[in-house]
C-alpha atoms as a PDB file:
ATOM      1  CA  MET A   1      39.645  39.478  39.214  1.00  0.00           C
ATOM      2  CA  VAL A   2      36.682  37.325  40.209  1.00  0.00           C
ATOM      3  CA  LEU A   3      33.449  38.096  38.359  1.00  0.00           C
ATOM      4  CA  PRO A   4      30.080  37.929  40.126  1.00  0.00           C
ATOM      5  CA  GLU A   5      28.241  34.646  39.574  1.00  0.00           C
ATOM      6  CA  GLY A   6      25.324  36.342  37.785  1.00  0.00           C
ATOM      7  CA  GLU A   7      27.649  38.071  35.328  1.00  0.00           C
ATOM      8  CA  VAL A   8      29.445  34.790  34.607  1.00  0.00           C
ATOM      9  CA  GLU A   9      26.082  33.137  33.895  1.00  0.00           C
ATOM     10  CA  VAL A  10      25.040  35.808  31.356  1.00  0.00           C
ATOM     11  CA  LEU A  11      28.426  35.656  29.615  1.00  0.00           C
ATOM     12  CA  ALA A  12      28.351  31.835  29.563  1.00  0.00           C
ATOM     13  CA  ARG A  13      24.854  31.822  28.034  1.00  0.00           C
ATOM     14  CA  LEU A  14      25.953  34.383  25.445  1.00  0.00           C
ATOM     15  CA  GLY A  15      28.919  32.144  24.549  1.00  0.00           C
ATOM     16  CA  ARG A  16      26.671  29.082  24.357  1.00  0.00           C
ATOM     17  CA  MET A  17      24.270  30.934  22.043  1.00  0.00           C
ATOM     18  CA  ILE A  18      27.151  31.880  19.719  1.00  0.00           C
ATOM     19  CA  THR A  19      28.461  28.292  19.766  1.00  0.00           C
ATOM     20  CA  GLY A  20      24.977  27.018  18.908  1.00  0.00           C
ATOM     21  CA  TRP A  21      24.750  29.494  16.037  1.00  0.00           C
ATOM     22  CA  ASN A  22      28.129  28.351  14.678  1.00  0.00           C
ATOM     23  CA  GLY A  23      26.705  24.828  14.590  1.00  0.00           C
ATOM     24  CA  VAL A  24      23.640  26.043  12.663  1.00  0.00           C
ATOM     25  CA  GLU A  25      25.835  27.729  10.033  1.00  0.00           C
ATOM     26  CA  HIS A  26      27.943  24.580   9.692  1.00  0.00           C
ATOM     27  CA  THR A  27      24.795  22.475   9.284  1.00  0.00           C
ATOM     28  CA  ALA A  28      23.432  24.863   6.621  1.00  0.00           C
ATOM     29  CA  ARG A  29      26.703  24.514   4.679  1.00  0.00           C
ATOM     30  CA  SER A  30      26.522  20.724   5.030  1.00  0.00           C
ATOM     31  CA  LEU A  31      22.944  20.702   3.693  1.00  0.00           C
ATOM     32  CA  LEU A  32      24.028  22.683   0.638  1.00  0.00           C
ATOM     33  CA  MET A  33      27.021  20.418  -0.015  1.00  0.00           C
ATOM     34  CA  TRP A  34      24.770  17.359   0.401  1.00  0.00           C
ATOM     35  CA  GLN A  35      22.218  18.678  -2.095  1.00  0.00           C
ATOM     36  CA  CYS A  36      24.766  19.892  -4.660  1.00  0.00           C
ATOM     37  CA  ASN A  37      26.832  16.685  -4.322  1.00  0.00           C
ATOM     38  CA  HIS A  38      30.062  18.129  -5.725  1.00  0.00           C
ATOM     39  CA  PRO A  39      33.455  18.431  -3.962  1.00  0.00           C
ATOM     40  CA  ASN A  40      33.977  22.043  -5.085  1.00  0.00           C
ATOM     41  CA  VAL A  41      30.791  23.245  -3.379  1.00  0.00           C
ATOM     42  CA  ALA A  42      32.760  23.495  -0.113  1.00  0.00           C
ATOM     43  CA  ALA A  43      34.833  26.314  -1.635  1.00  0.00           C
ATOM     44  CA  LEU A  44      31.649  28.162  -2.565  1.00  0.00           C
ATOM     45  CA  THR A  45      29.796  27.677   0.724  1.00  0.00           C
ATOM     46  CA  SER A  46      32.829  28.639   2.831  1.00  0.00           C
ATOM     47  CA  GLU A  47      32.425  32.236   1.625  1.00  0.00           C
ATOM     48  CA  MET A  48      28.622  32.397   1.854  1.00  0.00           C
ATOM     49  CA  THR A  49      26.847  34.438   4.503  1.00  0.00           C
ATOM     50  CA  SER A  50      23.959  32.878   6.403  1.00  0.00           C
ATOM     51  CA  THR A  51      21.521  34.984   4.341  1.00  0.00           C
ATOM     52  CA  ALA A  52      23.039  33.668   1.104  1.00  0.00           C
ATOM     53  CA  MET A  53      22.818  30.106   2.463  1.00  0.00           C
ATOM     54  CA  ARG A  54      19.152  30.650   3.339  1.00  0.00           C
ATOM     55  CA  ASP A  55      18.437  31.873  -0.193  1.00  0.00           C
ATOM     56  CA  ALA A  56      20.361  28.956  -1.711  1.00  0.00           C
ATOM     57  CA  LEU A  57      18.475  26.404   0.406  1.00  0.00           C
ATOM     58  CA  LEU A  58      15.126  27.945  -0.578  1.00  0.00           C
ATOM     59  CA  ALA A  59      16.165  27.927  -4.263  1.00  0.00           C
ATOM     60  CA  ILE A  60      17.240  24.276  -4.089  1.00  0.00           C
ATOM     61  CA  ALA A  61      14.007  23.363  -2.286  1.00  0.00           C
ATOM     62  CA  LYS A  62      12.030  24.620  -5.315  1.00  0.00           C
ATOM     63  CA  VAL A  63      13.700  22.181  -7.719  1.00  0.00           C
ATOM     64  CA  ILE A  64      13.947  19.058  -5.546  1.00  0.00           C
ATOM     65  CA  PRO A  65      11.631  16.344  -6.882  1.00  0.00           C
ATOM     66  CA  ARG A  66      10.974  14.884  -3.411  1.00  0.00           C
ATOM     67  CA  GLU A  67       8.332  17.098  -1.817  1.00  0.00           C
ATOM     68  CA  GLU A  68       9.071  15.917   1.712  1.00  0.00           C
ATOM     69  CA  VAL A  69      12.756  16.899   1.474  1.00  0.00           C
ATOM     70  CA  SER A  70      11.761  20.227  -0.070  1.00  0.00           C
ATOM     71  CA  GLU A  71       9.461  21.017   2.869  1.00  0.00           C
ATOM     72  CA  HIS A  72      12.167  20.174   5.399  1.00  0.00           C
ATOM     73  CA  LEU A  73      14.745  22.360   3.645  1.00  0.00           C
ATOM     74  CA  GLN A  74      12.295  25.271   3.479  1.00  0.00           C
ATOM     75  CA  HIS A  75      11.498  24.902   7.173  1.00  0.00           C
ATOM     76  CA  PHE A  76      15.203  24.776   8.047  1.00  0.00           C
ATOM     77  CA  ALA A  77      15.960  27.847   5.904  1.00  0.00           C
ATOM     78  CA  LYS A  78      13.180  29.934   7.480  1.00  0.00           C
ATOM     79  CA  ALA A  79      14.180  28.891  11.006  1.00  0.00           C
ATOM     80  CA  LEU A  80      17.813  29.677  10.124  1.00  0.00           C
ATOM     81  CA  ASP A  81      16.832  33.213   9.189  1.00  0.00           C
ATOM     82  CA  LEU A  82      14.978  33.843  12.451  1.00  0.00           C
ATOM     83  CA  ALA A  83      17.806  32.349  14.504  1.00  0.00           C
ATOM     84  CA  ARG A  84      20.253  34.649  12.652  1.00  0.00           C
ATOM     85  CA  GLU A  85      18.155  37.675  13.569  1.00  0.00           C
ATOM     86  CA  HIS A  86      18.231  36.815  17.254  1.00  0.00           C
ATOM     87  CA  ARG A  87      21.900  35.821  17.251  1.00  0.00           C
ATOM     88  CA  ASN A  88      22.919  39.095  15.591  1.00  0.00           C
ATOM     89  CA  TYR A  89      20.726  41.141  17.920  1.00  0.00           C
ATOM     90  CA  TYR A  90      22.378  39.758  21.043  1.00  0.00           C
ATOM     91  CA  ALA A  91      25.897  38.929  19.779  1.00  0.00           C
ATOM     92  CA  HIS A  92      26.412  42.406  18.297  1.00  0.00           C
ATOM     93  CA  GLY A  93      24.207  44.275  20.751  1.00  0.00           C
ATOM     94  CA  VAL A  94      25.388  43.285  24.238  1.00  0.00           C
ATOM     95  CA  LYS A  95      27.785  46.044  25.296  1.00  0.00           C
ATOM     96  CA  ALA A  96      28.114  45.267  29.000  1.00  0.00           C
ATOM     97  CA  VAL A  97      26.779  43.054  31.781  1.00  0.00           C
ATOM     98  CA  VAL A  98      25.416  44.892  34.818  1.00  0.00           C
ATOM     99  CA  PHE A  99      23.435  44.143  37.959  1.00  0.00           C
ATOM    100  CA  MET A 100      19.856  45.386  37.638  1.00  0.00           C
ATOM    101  CA  PRO A 101      18.348  46.090  41.078  1.00  0.00           C
ATOM    102  CA  GLU A 102      14.767  46.060  39.715  1.00  0.00           C
ATOM    103  CA  LEU A 103      15.170  42.441  38.569  1.00  0.00           C
ATOM    104  CA  GLN A 104      17.660  41.439  41.288  1.00  0.00           C
ATOM    105  CA  LYS A 105      19.966  39.853  38.726  1.00  0.00           C
ATOM    106  CA  HIS A 106      22.684  40.518  36.172  1.00  0.00           C
ATOM    107  CA  VAL A 107      21.623  41.295  32.603  1.00  0.00           C
ATOM    108  CA  GLY A 108      23.326  42.164  29.347  1.00  0.00           C
ATOM    109  CA  VAL A 109      22.828  45.747  28.218  1.00  0.00           C
ATOM    110  CA  VAL A 110      21.792  45.678  24.549  1.00  0.00           C
ATOM    111  CA  GLN A 111      22.301  48.820  22.506  1.00  0.00           C
ATOM    112  CA  HIS A 112      21.851  49.304  18.769  1.00  0.00           C
ATOM    113  CA  TYR A 113      21.925  52.302  16.463  1.00  0.00           C
ATOM    114  CA  THR A 114      20.036  52.360  13.200  1.00  0.00           C
ATOM    115  CA  ALA A 115      19.761  54.999  10.493  1.00  0.00           C
ATOM    116  CA  ARG A 116      17.486  53.264   7.980  1.00  0.00           C
ATOM    117  CA  GLN A 117      14.794  55.926   8.238  1.00  0.00           C
ATOM    118  CA  ASN A 118      15.967  58.281  10.947  1.00  0.00           C
ATOM    119  CA  LEU A 119      18.843  57.966  13.391  1.00  0.00           C
ATOM    120  CA  ALA A 120      17.511  55.915  16.274  1.00  0.00           C
ATOM    121  CA  GLU A 121      19.017  54.283  19.326  1.00  0.00           C
ATOM    122  CA  ASP A 122      17.510  51.123  20.762  1.00  0.00           C
ATOM    123  CA  PHE A 123      18.075  49.886  24.324  1.00  0.00           C
ATOM    124  CA  ASP A 124      17.106  46.477  25.649  1.00  0.00           C
ATOM    125  CA  ILE A 125      18.281  43.876  28.127  1.00  0.00           C
ATOM    126  CA  ALA A 126      19.447  40.309  27.598  1.00  0.00           C
ATOM    127  CA  THR A 127      18.671  37.969  30.452  1.00  0.00           C
ATOM    128  CA  ALA A 128      20.336  34.585  30.872  1.00  0.00           C
ATOM    129  CA  GLU A 129      16.916  33.072  30.088  1.00  0.00           C
ATOM    130  CA  ASN A 130      16.624  34.959  26.748  1.00  0.00           C
ATOM    131  CA  LEU A 131      20.052  33.775  25.695  1.00  0.00           C
ATOM    132  CA  ALA A 132      19.384  30.184  26.805  1.00  0.00           C
ATOM    133  CA  THR A 133      16.190  30.090  24.703  1.00  0.00           C
ATOM    134  CA  ILE A 134      18.029  31.148  21.530  1.00  0.00           C
ATOM    135  CA  ALA A 135      20.915  28.737  22.254  1.00  0.00           C
ATOM    136  CA  LYS A 136      18.424  25.874  22.707  1.00  0.00           C
ATOM    137  CA  HIS A 137      16.775  26.717  19.386  1.00  0.00           C
ATOM    138  CA  CYS A 138      20.160  26.778  17.626  1.00  0.00           C
ATOM    139  CA  PHE A 139      21.198  23.364  18.951  1.00  0.00           C
ATOM    140  CA  GLU A 140      17.795  21.889  18.035  1.00  0.00           C
ATOM    141  CA  LEU A 141      18.000  23.397  14.556  1.00  0.00           C
ATOM    142  CA  SER A 142      21.461  21.869  13.992  1.00  0.00           C
ATOM    143  CA  ALA A 143      20.177  18.453  15.094  1.00  0.00           C
ATOM    144  CA  TYR A 144      17.210  18.863  12.752  1.00  0.00           C
ATOM    145  CA  GLY A 145      19.434  19.655   9.752  1.00  0.00           C
ATOM    146  CA  LEU A 146      21.696  16.691  10.480  1.00  0.00           C
ATOM    147  CA  ALA A 147      18.654  14.433  10.808  1.00  0.00           C
ATOM    148  CA  ILE A 148      17.383  15.559   7.387  1.00  0.00           C
ATOM    149  CA  MET A 149      20.666  14.402   5.808  1.00  0.00           C
ATOM    150  CA  SER A 150      20.702  11.180   7.803  1.00  0.00           C
ATOM    151  CA  ARG A 151      17.079  10.347   6.983  1.00  0.00           C
ATOM    152  CA  TYR A 152      17.295  11.101   3.284  1.00  0.00           C
ATOM    153  CA  GLY A 153      20.627   9.667   2.302  1.00  0.00           C
ATOM    154  CA  ARG A 154      23.788  10.884   3.959  1.00  0.00           C
ATOM    155  CA  GLY A 155      25.420   8.243   6.114  1.00  0.00           C
ATOM    156  CA  GLY A 156      23.974   5.996   8.777  1.00  0.00           C
ATOM    157  CA  SER A 157      21.507   3.162   8.463  1.00  0.00           C
ATOM    158  CA  THR A 158      17.788   3.776   8.043  1.00  0.00           C
ATOM    159  CA  LYS A 159      17.089   2.348  11.513  1.00  0.00           C
ATOM    160  CA  ALA A 160      19.635   4.667  13.150  1.00  0.00           C
ATOM    161  CA  ALA A 161      18.235   7.598  11.196  1.00  0.00           C
ATOM    162  CA  ARG A 162      14.688   6.906  12.348  1.00  0.00           C
ATOM    163  CA  LYS A 163      15.782   6.815  15.983  1.00  0.00           C
ATOM    164  CA  ALA A 164      17.581  10.158  15.586  1.00  0.00           C
ATOM    165  CA  TRP A 165      14.729  11.833  13.693  1.00  0.00           C
ATOM    166  CA  PRO A 166      13.638  14.867  15.738  1.00  0.00           C
ATOM    167  CA  SER A 167      10.364  16.706  15.535  1.00  0.00           C
ATOM    168  CA  TRP A 168      10.404  19.947  13.589  1.00  0.00           C
ATOM    169  CA  PRO A 169      11.900  22.627  15.831  1.00  0.00           C
ATOM    170  CA  GLU A 170       9.636  25.568  16.438  1.00  0.00           C
ATOM    171  CA  LYS A 171      10.762  28.787  14.859  1.00  0.00           C
ATOM    172  CA  PRO A 172      11.457  31.524  17.403  1.00  0.00           C
ATOM    173  CA  THR A 173       9.193  34.551  17.489  1.00  0.00           C
ATOM    174  CA  PRO A 174      10.366  37.068  14.863  1.00  0.00           C
ATOM    175  CA  LEU A 175      12.491  39.662  16.625  1.00  0.00           C
ATOM    176  CA  TRP A 176      10.447  42.645  15.413  1.00  0.00           C
ATOM    177  CA  ARG A 177       7.319  41.134  17.015  1.00  0.00           C
ATOM    178  CA  LEU A 178       9.163  40.442  20.249  1.00  0.00           C
ATOM    179  CA  LEU A 179      10.516  43.990  20.437  1.00  0.00           C
ATOM    180  CA  LYS A 180       7.136  45.484  19.498  1.00  0.00           C
ATOM    181  CA  SER A 181       5.421  43.605  22.350  1.00  0.00           C
ATOM    182  CA  ARG A 182       8.117  44.706  24.819  1.00  0.00           C
ATOM    183  CA  ARG A 183       7.728  48.327  23.776  1.00  0.00           C
ATOM    184  CA  THR A 184       3.930  48.103  24.049  1.00  0.00           C
ATOM    185  CA  GLU A 185       4.219  46.740  27.592  1.00  0.00           C
ATOM    186  CA  ALA A 186       6.678  49.487  28.531  1.00  0.00           C
ATOM    187  CA  ARG A 187       4.503  52.353  27.292  1.00  0.00           C
ATOM    188  CA  ARG A 188       2.736  54.420  29.871  1.00  0.00           C
ATOM    189  CA  PRO A 189      -1.018  54.652  29.396  1.00  0.00           C
ATOM    190  CA  ARG A 190      -1.969  57.931  27.776  1.00  0.00           C
ATOM    191  CA  ARG A 191      -4.181  60.260  29.698  1.00  0.00           C
ATOM    192  CA  ARG A 192      -7.416  60.999  27.965  1.00  0.00           C
ATOM    193  CA  ARG A 193      -8.508  64.545  27.651  1.00  0.00           C
ATOM    194  CA  ALA A 194     -11.680  65.338  29.499  1.00  0.00           C
ATOM    195  CA  SER A 195     -14.560  65.864  27.112  1.00  0.00           C
ATOM    196  CA  ARG A 196     -16.160  69.273  27.162  1.00  0.00           C
ATOM    197  CA  ALA A 197     -19.780  69.249  28.130  1.00  0.00           C
END
């Protein structure tokens, strides 16, 4: 069976986003092993979730004597958390890829259920562009984490490290803000009641 080109593109971008996220998790583990500097830390970090790694990086950042390294680890940890939010939203939410006539392209159909307050169902779409943006952030975040280790003492010469030193990656927009703005745009304007004279 041959898939339509648009569907293949959405699925490829989804796969690239997941691959990028896997790199971010690996980099977070490497940062923790680098900071703890003990061979047994690998056994501990292999069972840690990304949320636990974020918390551990933030905790370590509080006790590091070098302020510059502390700031970089905090920035990485916060960006890791936002990337996780987006990755989970799309990786666990895309249920199908369909052609959307209104947009004249294939999109992923995102569907989530939540019961935190009341049972609610959330629908959204994942375009190839959305997925590419998150993938790009993940790959940049991995490079950033590796550059922190290279710059501050894990392998490589100082000259090589300076050449590889990237600018701080921007954190993606928090997902709740993104969804809130989409819902606001989708709302129909309310009709005002005529005032009685």
